[in-house]
C-alpha atoms as a PDB file:
ATOM      1  CA  MET A   1      15.505 -33.903   0.709  1.00  0.00           C
ATOM      2  CA  THR A   2      16.426 -33.770   4.400  1.00  0.00           C
ATOM      3  CA  SER A   3      19.361 -35.616   5.748  1.00  0.00           C
ATOM      4  CA  PRO A   4      18.904 -37.502   9.017  1.00  0.00           C
ATOM      5  CA  ASP A   5      21.215 -34.973  10.820  1.00  0.00           C
ATOM      6  CA  GLN A   6      18.877 -32.081   9.884  1.00  0.00           C
ATOM      7  CA  ARG A   7      15.729 -33.756  11.174  1.00  0.00           C
ATOM      8  CA  PRO A   8      14.465 -32.908  14.727  1.00  0.00           C
ATOM      9  CA  SER A   9      15.938 -35.133  17.279  1.00  0.00           C
ATOM     10  CA  LEU A  10      13.688 -37.618  18.828  1.00  0.00           C
ATOM     11  CA  SER A  11      13.987 -39.428  22.152  1.00  0.00           C
ATOM     12  CA  LYS A  12      11.663 -42.079  23.398  1.00  0.00           C
ATOM     13  CA  ALA A  13      10.711 -39.974  26.125  1.00  0.00           C
ATOM     14  CA  SER A  14       9.673 -37.004  23.903  1.00  0.00           C
ATOM     15  CA  ILE A  15       7.445 -39.011  21.642  1.00  0.00           C
ATOM     16  CA  THR A  16       3.869 -38.885  23.089  1.00  0.00           C
ATOM     17  CA  GLN A  17       1.934 -38.510  19.910  1.00  0.00           C
ATOM     18  CA  VAL A  18       1.101 -41.349  17.591  1.00  0.00           C
ATOM     19  CA  PHE A  19       0.112 -39.147  14.619  1.00  0.00           C
ATOM     20  CA  PRO A  20       0.122 -35.544  13.827  1.00  0.00           C
ATOM     21  CA  GLU A  21      -2.701 -33.458  15.223  1.00  0.00           C
ATOM     22  CA  PRO A  22      -4.870 -31.922  12.706  1.00  0.00           C
ATOM     23  CA  THR A  23      -6.080 -28.319  13.835  1.00  0.00           C
ATOM     24  CA  VAL A  24      -8.129 -25.415  12.511  1.00  0.00           C
ATOM     25  CA  GLY A  25      -7.357 -21.705  12.922  1.00  0.00           C
ATOM     26  CA  ALA A  26      -9.632 -18.650  12.155  1.00  0.00           C
ATOM     27  CA  LEU A  27      -8.203 -15.393  10.793  1.00  0.00           C
ATOM     28  CA  ILE A  28     -11.325 -13.417  11.802  1.00  0.00           C
ATOM     29  CA  VAL A  29     -12.062 -10.073   9.944  1.00  0.00           C
ATOM     30  CA  ASN A  30     -14.584  -7.645  11.125  1.00  0.00           C
ATOM     31  CA  ASN A  31     -16.573  -4.971   9.219  1.00  0.00           C
ATOM     32  CA  GLU A  32     -13.792  -2.370   9.753  1.00  0.00           C
ATOM     33  CA  GLY A  33     -11.205  -4.705   8.039  1.00  0.00           C
ATOM     34  CA  LYS A  34      -9.363  -5.443  11.431  1.00  0.00           C
ATOM     35  CA  ILE A  35      -8.299  -9.002  12.320  1.00  0.00           C
ATOM     36  CA  LEU A  36      -8.712 -10.646  15.667  1.00  0.00           C
ATOM     37  CA  LEU A  37      -5.466 -11.799  17.308  1.00  0.00           C
ATOM     38  CA  ALA A  38      -5.480 -13.741  20.615  1.00  0.00           C
ATOM     39  CA  ARG A  39      -2.665 -13.924  23.025  1.00  0.00           C
ATOM     40  CA  SER A  40      -2.028 -17.357  24.538  1.00  0.00           C
ATOM     41  CA  HIS A  41       0.308 -18.749  27.322  1.00  0.00           C
ATOM     42  CA  LYS A  42       0.684 -21.889  25.231  1.00  0.00           C
ATOM     43  CA  TRP A  43       2.571 -19.762  22.638  1.00  0.00           C
ATOM     44  CA  PHE A  44       4.625 -18.154  25.226  1.00  0.00           C
ATOM     45  CA  ASP A  45       2.332 -15.020  25.287  1.00  0.00           C
ATOM     46  CA  ARG A  46       2.632 -14.400  21.516  1.00  0.00           C
ATOM     47  CA  TYR A  47      -0.367 -13.502  19.454  1.00  0.00           C
ATOM     48  CA  THR A  48      -1.849 -16.172  17.512  1.00  0.00           C
ATOM     49  CA  LEU A  49      -5.228 -17.158  15.913  1.00  0.00           C
ATOM     50  CA  PRO A  50      -8.160 -18.728  17.886  1.00  0.00           C
ATOM     51  CA  GLY A  51      -8.561 -22.433  17.018  1.00  0.00           C
ATOM     52  CA  GLY A  52      -8.092 -25.873  18.049  1.00  0.00           C
ATOM     53  CA  HIS A  53      -8.540 -29.583  17.363  1.00  0.00           C
ATOM     54  CA  ILE A  54     -10.978 -31.170  14.845  1.00  0.00           C
ATOM     55  CA  GLU A  55     -13.114 -33.666  16.770  1.00  0.00           C
ATOM     56  CA  VAL A  56     -13.710 -37.196  15.096  1.00  0.00           C
ATOM     57  CA  GLY A  57     -16.796 -36.821  12.750  1.00  0.00           C
ATOM     58  CA  GLU A  58     -16.663 -33.034  12.608  1.00  0.00           C
ATOM     59  CA  THR A  59     -15.923 -31.046   9.392  1.00  0.00           C
ATOM     60  CA  MET A  60     -13.169 -28.625   9.359  1.00  0.00           C
ATOM     61  CA  VAL A  61     -15.559 -25.843   8.914  1.00  0.00           C
ATOM     62  CA  ASP A  62     -17.749 -26.961  11.891  1.00  0.00           C
ATOM     63  CA  ALA A  63     -14.734 -27.193  13.904  1.00  0.00           C
ATOM     64  CA  VAL A  64     -13.419 -23.708  13.184  1.00  0.00           C
ATOM     65  CA  LYS A  65     -16.755 -22.225  14.027  1.00  0.00           C
ATOM     66  CA  ARG A  66     -16.977 -24.318  17.333  1.00  0.00           C
ATOM     67  CA  GLU A  67     -13.426 -23.451  18.391  1.00  0.00           C
ATOM     68  CA  VAL A  68     -14.077 -19.687  17.661  1.00  0.00           C
ATOM     69  CA  LYS A  69     -17.269 -19.640  19.659  1.00  0.00           C
ATOM     70  CA  GLU A  70     -15.647 -21.595  22.522  1.00  0.00           C
ATOM     71  CA  GLU A  71     -12.410 -19.333  22.831  1.00  0.00           C
ATOM     72  CA  VAL A  72     -13.710 -15.897  21.824  1.00  0.00           C
ATOM     73  CA  GLY A  73     -17.519 -16.093  21.923  1.00  0.00           C
ATOM     74  CA  LEU A  74     -17.862 -15.065  18.364  1.00  0.00           C
ATOM     75  CA  ASP A  75     -20.110 -16.483  15.507  1.00  0.00           C
ATOM     76  CA  VAL A  76     -18.253 -16.445  12.408  1.00  0.00           C
ATOM     77  CA  ASP A  77     -18.966 -16.925   8.728  1.00  0.00           C
ATOM     78  CA  VAL A  78     -16.117 -19.227   7.039  1.00  0.00           C
ATOM     79  CA  VAL A  79     -15.284 -17.756   3.849  1.00  0.00           C
ATOM     80  CA  ASP A  80     -12.163 -19.410   2.381  1.00  0.00           C
ATOM     81  CA  LEU A  81      -9.398 -21.874   3.128  1.00  0.00           C
ATOM     82  CA  LEU A  82      -6.341 -19.695   3.439  1.00  0.00           C
ATOM     83  CA  LEU A  83      -3.379 -21.886   4.247  1.00  0.00           C
ATOM     84  CA  MET A  84      -2.217 -25.268   5.538  1.00  0.00           C
ATOM     85  CA  GLN A  85       1.003 -25.381   7.516  1.00  0.00           C
ATOM     86  CA  GLU A  86       3.026 -28.093   9.435  1.00  0.00           C
ATOM     87  CA  ALA A  87       4.501 -27.344  12.763  1.00  0.00           C
ATOM     88  CA  ILE A  88       6.893 -30.164  13.978  1.00  0.00           C
ATOM     89  CA  PHE A  89       8.043 -29.574  17.559  1.00  0.00           C
ATOM     90  CA  ALA A  90       7.907 -25.869  17.207  1.00  0.00           C
ATOM     91  CA  PRO A  91      10.042 -24.062  19.862  1.00  0.00           C
ATOM     92  CA  GLU A  92       7.407 -21.344  20.029  1.00  0.00           C
ATOM     93  CA  PHE A  93       4.679 -23.806  21.504  1.00  0.00           C
ATOM     94  CA  TYR A  94       4.989 -24.924  25.052  1.00  0.00           C
ATOM     95  CA  LYS A  95       4.834 -28.590  24.329  1.00  0.00           C
ATOM     96  CA  LYS A  96       6.718 -30.773  21.893  1.00  0.00           C
ATOM     97  CA  LYS A  97       4.047 -31.472  19.358  1.00  0.00           C
ATOM     98  CA  HIS A  98       3.401 -32.249  15.758  1.00  0.00           C
ATOM     99  CA  PHE A  99       0.363 -30.161  14.289  1.00  0.00           C
ATOM    100  CA  ILE A 100      -1.161 -29.803  10.864  1.00  0.00           C
ATOM    101  CA  PHE A 101      -2.698 -26.247  10.881  1.00  0.00           C
ATOM    102  CA  ILE A 102      -5.578 -25.540   8.530  1.00  0.00           C
ATOM    103  CA  ASP A 103      -6.216 -21.914   8.611  1.00  0.00           C
ATOM    104  CA  PHE A 104      -9.542 -20.180   7.301  1.00  0.00           C
ATOM    105  CA  TYR A 105     -10.504 -16.665   6.523  1.00  0.00           C
ATOM    106  CA  CYS A 106     -13.536 -15.988   8.480  1.00  0.00           C
ATOM    107  CA  LYS A 107     -15.918 -12.871   8.966  1.00  0.00           C
ATOM    108  CA  SER A 108     -17.617 -11.733  11.964  1.00  0.00           C
ATOM    109  CA  LYS A 109     -20.233  -8.954  12.120  1.00  0.00           C
ATOM    110  CA  ASP A 110     -19.801  -8.719  15.880  1.00  0.00           C
ATOM    111  CA  LYS A 111     -16.659  -7.411  17.695  1.00  0.00           C
ATOM    112  CA  GLN A 112     -17.635  -8.151  21.133  1.00  0.00           C
ATOM    113  CA  VAL A 113     -15.172 -10.846  22.290  1.00  0.00           C
ATOM    114  CA  LYS A 114     -15.739 -13.187  25.269  1.00  0.00           C
ATOM    115  CA  LEU A 115     -12.556 -14.929  26.386  1.00  0.00           C
ATOM    116  CA  ASP A 116     -12.698 -18.309  27.623  1.00  0.00           C
ATOM    117  CA  GLN A 117      -9.612 -17.454  29.814  1.00  0.00           C
ATOM    118  CA  LYS A 118      -8.120 -21.100  29.457  1.00  0.00           C
ATOM    119  CA  GLU A 119      -6.659 -20.949  25.964  1.00  0.00           C
ATOM    120  CA  ILE A 120      -6.706 -17.257  25.497  1.00  0.00           C
ATOM    121  CA  GLN A 121      -5.551 -14.618  27.936  1.00  0.00           C
ATOM    122  CA  ASP A 122      -6.057 -11.491  25.805  1.00  0.00           C
ATOM    123  CA  TYR A 123      -7.066 -10.216  22.369  1.00  0.00           C
ATOM    124  CA  LEU A 124      -6.883  -7.183  20.202  1.00  0.00           C
ATOM    125  CA  TRP A 125      -8.577  -6.144  16.928  1.00  0.00           C
ATOM    126  CA  VAL A 126      -5.730  -4.774  14.626  1.00  0.00           C
ATOM    127  CA  TYR A 127      -5.447  -3.876  10.939  1.00  0.00           C
ATOM    128  CA  PRO A 128      -3.553  -6.718   9.199  1.00  0.00           C
ATOM    129  CA  GLY A 129      -0.491  -4.644   8.371  1.00  0.00           C
ATOM    130  CA  ALA A 130      -0.137  -3.364  11.934  1.00  0.00           C
ATOM    131  CA  ALA A 131      -0.244  -7.029  13.326  1.00  0.00           C
ATOM    132  CA  TYR A 132       3.415  -7.268  12.079  1.00  0.00           C
ATOM    133  CA  ASN A 133       4.434  -4.957  14.870  1.00  0.00           C
ATOM    134  CA  LEU A 134       3.300  -7.448  17.495  1.00  0.00           C
ATOM    135  CA  LYS A 135       4.738 -10.443  18.812  1.00  0.00           C
ATOM    136  CA  LEU A 136       3.230 -13.008  16.680  1.00  0.00           C
ATOM    137  CA  ASP A 137       3.946 -16.627  16.361  1.00  0.00           C
ATOM    138  CA  SER A 138       5.600 -17.551  12.971  1.00  0.00           C
ATOM    139  CA  PHE A 139       2.560 -19.536  11.821  1.00  0.00           C
ATOM    140  CA  THR A 140      -0.015 -16.669  12.397  1.00  0.00           C
ATOM    141  CA  ARG A 141       2.574 -14.417  10.447  1.00  0.00           C
ATOM    142  CA  LYS A 142       2.518 -16.824   7.369  1.00  0.00           C
ATOM    143  CA  THR A 143      -1.311 -16.900   7.608  1.00  0.00           C
ATOM    144  CA  ILE A 144      -1.553 -13.045   7.655  1.00  0.00           C
ATOM    145  CA  ASP A 145       0.910 -12.971   4.754  1.00  0.00           C
ATOM    146  CA  ARG A 146      -1.487 -15.376   2.620  1.00  0.00           C
ATOM    147  CA  TYR A 147      -4.463 -13.186   3.641  1.00  0.00           C
ATOM    148  CA  LEU A 148      -2.700 -10.139   2.267  1.00  0.00           C
ATOM    149  CA  GLU A 149      -1.412 -11.789  -0.838  1.00  0.00           C
ATOM    150  CA  LYS A 150      -4.946 -13.064  -1.726  1.00  0.00           C
ATOM    151  CA  LYS A 151      -6.176  -9.586  -1.243  1.00  0.00           C
ATOM    152  CA  HIS A 152      -9.472 -10.852   0.235  1.00  0.00           C
ATOM    153  CA  GLY A 153     -12.421  -8.583   0.278  1.00  0.00           C
ATOM    154  CA  SER A 154     -15.471  -7.892  -1.643  1.00  0.00           C
ATOM    155  CA  SER A 155     -13.994  -9.425  -4.796  1.00  0.00           C
ATOM    156  CA  SER A 156     -13.139 -12.715  -3.152  1.00  0.00           C
ATOM    157  CA  VAL A 157     -14.733 -15.703  -4.362  1.00  0.00           C
ATOM    158  CA  ASP A 158     -16.567 -17.544  -1.550  1.00  0.00           C
ATOM    159  CA  ILE A 159     -15.696 -21.227  -2.580  1.00  0.00           C
ATOM    160  CA  LEU A 160     -17.649 -22.500   0.459  1.00  0.00           C
ATOM    161  CA  GLN A 161     -20.913 -21.302  -1.019  1.00  0.00           C
ATOM    162  CA  ASP A 162     -20.568 -23.601  -4.016  1.00  0.00           C
ATOM    163  CA  PRO A 163     -22.385 -26.752  -3.327  1.00  0.00           C
ATOM    164  CA  ALA A 164     -19.962 -28.709  -5.434  1.00  0.00           C
ATOM    165  CA  VAL A 165     -17.073 -27.789  -3.229  1.00  0.00           C
ATOM    166  CA  ARG A 166     -16.968 -29.698   0.049  1.00  0.00           C
ATOM    167  CA  LEU A 167     -13.958 -29.029   2.475  1.00  0.00           C
END
């Protein structure tokens, strides 16, 4: 249990959100087994995952596909839910915000990235283990950890193909 003095301090001026913002992120893997990392000024030029807000009436899967298409120009197949994380006023982010990150493992046959130049300033394809040598935000690092723990690959169960499972 967190004591009041351990919680982030809030002033009336810093509170602009009414509720946490649910967002989706995509850990995109290409046919070579490399992952796509995107560098964003919003994360003080750290590498992060493409993604963004879920729009009202949109499923999480549809949101991640849309955000990836908008930010990096790729069509992806959403394979699995990887990880949910909470970011409360993360010092790594340029604004004081409260997010709920819902990150998915996605596959892309295409490697030709087309940046939107608004959210993402640069990108690279890298093997997951080599990503740890880069300047990553802590949330992306945890998502890569989960991906490697789950050992995704050809033996992975595609829960999204099961009509009984609805994310």
